[in-house]
Amino acid sequence: MADECIFCKIASGEIPCEAVYEDEDVFAFRDLHPGAPSHVLVIPRRHIPRITDTDDAELLGKLLIGANKVAEKEGLIEKGFRYAVNFGEHGGQLVMHVHIHVLGGRPLAWPPG
């Protein structure tokens, strides 16, 4: 765990959140500033700052499987949803811990804002 990482603190239970899904490798919780009626962040429990900082295909697959489980649990499968992974300053990454946004519950425009 990175000592100063807010997502590591959330996954460890040090900071409370509204958990949506969790397993041994993945933790998912509601975004505090949702961009859609359903907006859940799916993170690895292991601290990885950026998506390009790992080549662990098994863990990245587990993140996507966790995101799929979140979409199903949130009732998003029938009408659709979006996954987003932000990278770096221009990509809008605000927290340096890999995370997948699962967004849905309304029509989502393309391209995003």
C-alpha atoms as a PDB file:
ATOM      1  CA  MET A   1       0.000   0.000   0.000  1.00  0.00           C
ATOM      2  CA  ALA A   2       1.276   3.455  -0.832  1.00  0.00           C
ATOM      3  CA  ASP A   3       1.119   5.424   2.412  1.00  0.00           C
ATOM      4  CA  GLU A   4      -0.387   8.568   0.926  1.00  0.00           C
ATOM      5  CA  CYS A   5      -2.694   7.043  -1.709  1.00  0.00           C
ATOM      6  CA  ILE A   6      -6.357   7.804  -1.048  1.00  0.00           C
ATOM      7  CA  PHE A   7      -7.520   4.765  -3.048  1.00  0.00           C
ATOM      8  CA  CYS A   8      -5.226   2.459  -1.056  1.00  0.00           C
ATOM      9  CA  LYS A   9      -6.730   3.917   2.125  1.00  0.00           C
ATOM     10  CA  ILE A  10     -10.261   3.351   0.790  1.00  0.00           C
ATOM     11  CA  ALA A  11      -9.521  -0.257  -0.221  1.00  0.00           C
ATOM     12  CA  SER A  12      -8.004  -1.003   3.191  1.00  0.00           C
ATOM     13  CA  GLY A  13     -11.023   0.434   5.044  1.00  0.00           C
ATOM     14  CA  GLU A  14      -9.053   3.320   6.525  1.00  0.00           C
ATOM     15  CA  ILE A  15     -11.335   5.774   4.690  1.00  0.00           C
ATOM     16  CA  PRO A  16     -15.039   4.866   4.570  1.00  0.00           C
ATOM     17  CA  CYS A  17     -16.846   4.524   1.268  1.00  0.00           C
ATOM     18  CA  GLU A  18     -19.883   2.901  -0.287  1.00  0.00           C
ATOM     19  CA  ALA A  19     -18.461  -0.400  -1.476  1.00  0.00           C
ATOM     20  CA  VAL A  20     -20.145  -2.027  -4.474  1.00  0.00           C
ATOM     21  CA  TYR A  21     -17.969  -5.090  -5.115  1.00  0.00           C
ATOM     22  CA  GLU A  22     -14.823  -6.654  -3.745  1.00  0.00           C
ATOM     23  CA  ASP A  23     -12.705  -9.746  -4.000  1.00  0.00           C
ATOM     24  CA  GLU A  24      -9.123 -10.679  -3.133  1.00  0.00           C
ATOM     25  CA  ASP A  25      -7.566  -8.489  -5.866  1.00  0.00           C
ATOM     26  CA  VAL A  26     -10.182  -5.858  -6.737  1.00  0.00           C
ATOM     27  CA  PHE A  27     -12.243  -3.280  -4.833  1.00  0.00           C
ATOM     28  CA  ALA A  28     -15.096  -1.178  -6.266  1.00  0.00           C
ATOM     29  CA  PHE A  29     -16.813   1.823  -4.700  1.00  0.00           C
ATOM     30  CA  ARG A  30     -19.092   4.712  -5.653  1.00  0.00           C
ATOM     31  CA  ASP A  31     -17.477   7.879  -6.991  1.00  0.00           C
ATOM     32  CA  LEU A  32     -17.966  10.862  -4.657  1.00  0.00           C
ATOM     33  CA  HIS A  33     -18.595  13.144  -7.658  1.00  0.00           C
ATOM     34  CA  PRO A  34     -20.639  10.974 -10.039  1.00  0.00           C
ATOM     35  CA  GLY A  35     -20.762  11.780 -13.730  1.00  0.00           C
ATOM     36  CA  ALA A  36     -23.791   9.520 -14.248  1.00  0.00           C
ATOM     37  CA  PRO A  37     -26.547   7.993 -12.085  1.00  0.00           C
ATOM     38  CA  SER A  38     -24.288   4.961 -11.669  1.00  0.00           C
ATOM     39  CA  HIS A  39     -20.593   5.836 -11.344  1.00  0.00           C
ATOM     40  CA  VAL A  40     -18.379   3.236  -9.692  1.00  0.00           C
ATOM     41  CA  LEU A  41     -14.578   3.099  -9.519  1.00  0.00           C
ATOM     42  CA  VAL A  42     -12.915  -0.314  -9.801  1.00  0.00           C
ATOM     43  CA  ILE A  43      -9.352  -0.464  -8.452  1.00  0.00           C
ATOM     44  CA  PRO A  44      -6.692  -3.086  -7.842  1.00  0.00           C
ATOM     45  CA  ARG A  45      -5.966  -3.605  -4.153  1.00  0.00           C
ATOM     46  CA  ARG A  46      -2.276  -3.462  -5.068  1.00  0.00           C
ATOM     47  CA  HIS A  47      -1.008   0.070  -5.599  1.00  0.00           C
ATOM     48  CA  ILE A  48      -0.252   0.717  -9.263  1.00  0.00           C
ATOM     49  CA  PRO A  49      -0.009   4.440 -10.092  1.00  0.00           C
ATOM     50  CA  ARG A  50      -0.730   4.364 -13.848  1.00  0.00           C
ATOM     51  CA  ILE A  51      -2.134   1.833 -16.308  1.00  0.00           C
ATOM     52  CA  THR A  52       1.245   1.798 -18.096  1.00  0.00           C
ATOM     53  CA  ASP A  53       3.064   0.841 -14.883  1.00  0.00           C
ATOM     54  CA  THR A  54       2.068  -2.821 -15.107  1.00  0.00           C
ATOM     55  CA  ASP A  55       2.154  -5.654 -17.575  1.00  0.00           C
ATOM     56  CA  ASP A  56       0.313  -7.957 -15.162  1.00  0.00           C
ATOM     57  CA  ALA A  57      -2.257  -9.305 -17.627  1.00  0.00           C
ATOM     58  CA  GLU A  58      -3.910 -11.442 -14.954  1.00  0.00           C
ATOM     59  CA  LEU A  59      -4.545  -8.460 -12.679  1.00  0.00           C
ATOM     60  CA  LEU A  60      -5.737  -6.257 -15.557  1.00  0.00           C
ATOM     61  CA  GLY A  61      -8.135  -9.048 -16.559  1.00  0.00           C
ATOM     62  CA  LYS A  62      -9.398  -9.250 -12.985  1.00  0.00           C
ATOM     63  CA  LEU A  63     -10.067  -5.497 -13.066  1.00  0.00           C
ATOM     64  CA  LEU A  64     -12.225  -5.906 -16.179  1.00  0.00           C
ATOM     65  CA  ILE A  65     -14.037  -8.900 -14.704  1.00  0.00           C
ATOM     66  CA  GLY A  66     -14.680  -6.822 -11.570  1.00  0.00           C
ATOM     67  CA  ALA A  67     -15.987  -3.979 -13.756  1.00  0.00           C
ATOM     68  CA  ASN A  68     -18.303  -6.455 -15.525  1.00  0.00           C
ATOM     69  CA  LYS A  69     -19.626  -7.623 -12.144  1.00  0.00           C
ATOM     70  CA  VAL A  70     -20.232  -4.016 -11.108  1.00  0.00           C
ATOM     71  CA  ALA A  71     -22.141  -3.302 -14.352  1.00  0.00           C
ATOM     72  CA  GLU A  72     -24.301  -6.360 -13.763  1.00  0.00           C
ATOM     73  CA  LYS A  73     -24.894  -5.527 -10.097  1.00  0.00           C
ATOM     74  CA  GLU A  74     -25.838  -1.943 -11.024  1.00  0.00           C
ATOM     75  CA  GLY A  75     -28.368  -3.157 -13.624  1.00  0.00           C
ATOM     76  CA  LEU A  76     -26.490  -1.579 -16.544  1.00  0.00           C
ATOM     77  CA  ILE A  77     -26.143  -4.579 -18.849  1.00  0.00           C
ATOM     78  CA  GLU A  78     -29.460  -4.261 -20.695  1.00  0.00           C
ATOM     79  CA  LYS A  79     -29.210  -0.605 -21.779  1.00  0.00           C
ATOM     80  CA  GLY A  80     -25.431  -0.204 -21.830  1.00  0.00           C
ATOM     81  CA  PHE A  81     -22.658   1.552 -19.964  1.00  0.00           C
ATOM     82  CA  ARG A  82     -19.141   2.895 -20.418  1.00  0.00           C
ATOM     83  CA  TYR A  83     -15.743   1.999 -19.035  1.00  0.00           C
ATOM     84  CA  ALA A  84     -13.156   4.777 -18.823  1.00  0.00           C
ATOM     85  CA  VAL A  85      -9.513   4.617 -17.800  1.00  0.00           C
ATOM     86  CA  ASN A  86      -7.852   8.009 -17.463  1.00  0.00           C
ATOM     87  CA  PHE A  87      -4.097   8.383 -17.881  1.00  0.00           C
ATOM     88  CA  GLY A  88      -1.984  11.381 -16.972  1.00  0.00           C
ATOM     89  CA  GLU A  89      -2.731  15.077 -16.850  1.00  0.00           C
ATOM     90  CA  HIS A  90      -4.246  15.383 -20.337  1.00  0.00           C
ATOM     91  CA  GLY A  91      -6.262  12.204 -19.835  1.00  0.00           C
ATOM     92  CA  GLY A  92      -7.837  13.546 -16.648  1.00  0.00           C
ATOM     93  CA  GLN A  93      -6.211  11.187 -14.131  1.00  0.00           C
ATOM     94  CA  LEU A  94      -6.646  12.895 -10.749  1.00  0.00           C
ATOM     95  CA  VAL A  95      -5.652  10.018  -8.442  1.00  0.00           C
ATOM     96  CA  MET A  96      -2.423   8.182  -9.173  1.00  0.00           C
ATOM     97  CA  HIS A  97      -3.811   4.678  -8.660  1.00  0.00           C
ATOM     98  CA  VAL A  98      -5.133   2.673 -11.607  1.00  0.00           C
ATOM     99  CA  HIS A  99      -8.917   2.727 -11.728  1.00  0.00           C
ATOM    100  CA  ILE A 100     -11.705   1.928 -14.143  1.00  0.00           C
ATOM    101  CA  HIS A 101     -14.765   4.168 -14.132  1.00  0.00           C
ATOM    102  CA  VAL A 102     -18.008   2.263 -14.738  1.00  0.00           C
ATOM    103  CA  LEU A 103     -20.639   4.800 -15.842  1.00  0.00           C
ATOM    104  CA  GLY A 104     -24.264   4.255 -16.773  1.00  0.00           C
ATOM    105  CA  GLY A 105     -27.894   4.822 -15.971  1.00  0.00           C
ATOM    106  CA  ARG A 106     -28.428   7.445 -18.699  1.00  0.00           C
ATOM    107  CA  PRO A 107     -27.407   7.991 -22.332  1.00  0.00           C
ATOM    108  CA  LEU A 108     -23.728   8.958 -22.505  1.00  0.00           C
ATOM    109  CA  ALA A 109     -22.532  11.328 -25.247  1.00  0.00           C
ATOM    110  CA  TRP A 110     -19.595  10.655 -27.538  1.00  0.00           C
ATOM    111  CA  PRO A 111     -17.078  12.073 -27.609  1.00  0.00           C
ATOM    112  CA  PRO A 112     -17.030  12.777 -23.869  1.00  0.00           C
ATOM    113  CA  GLY A 113     -16.651  16.405 -22.718  1.00  0.00           C
END
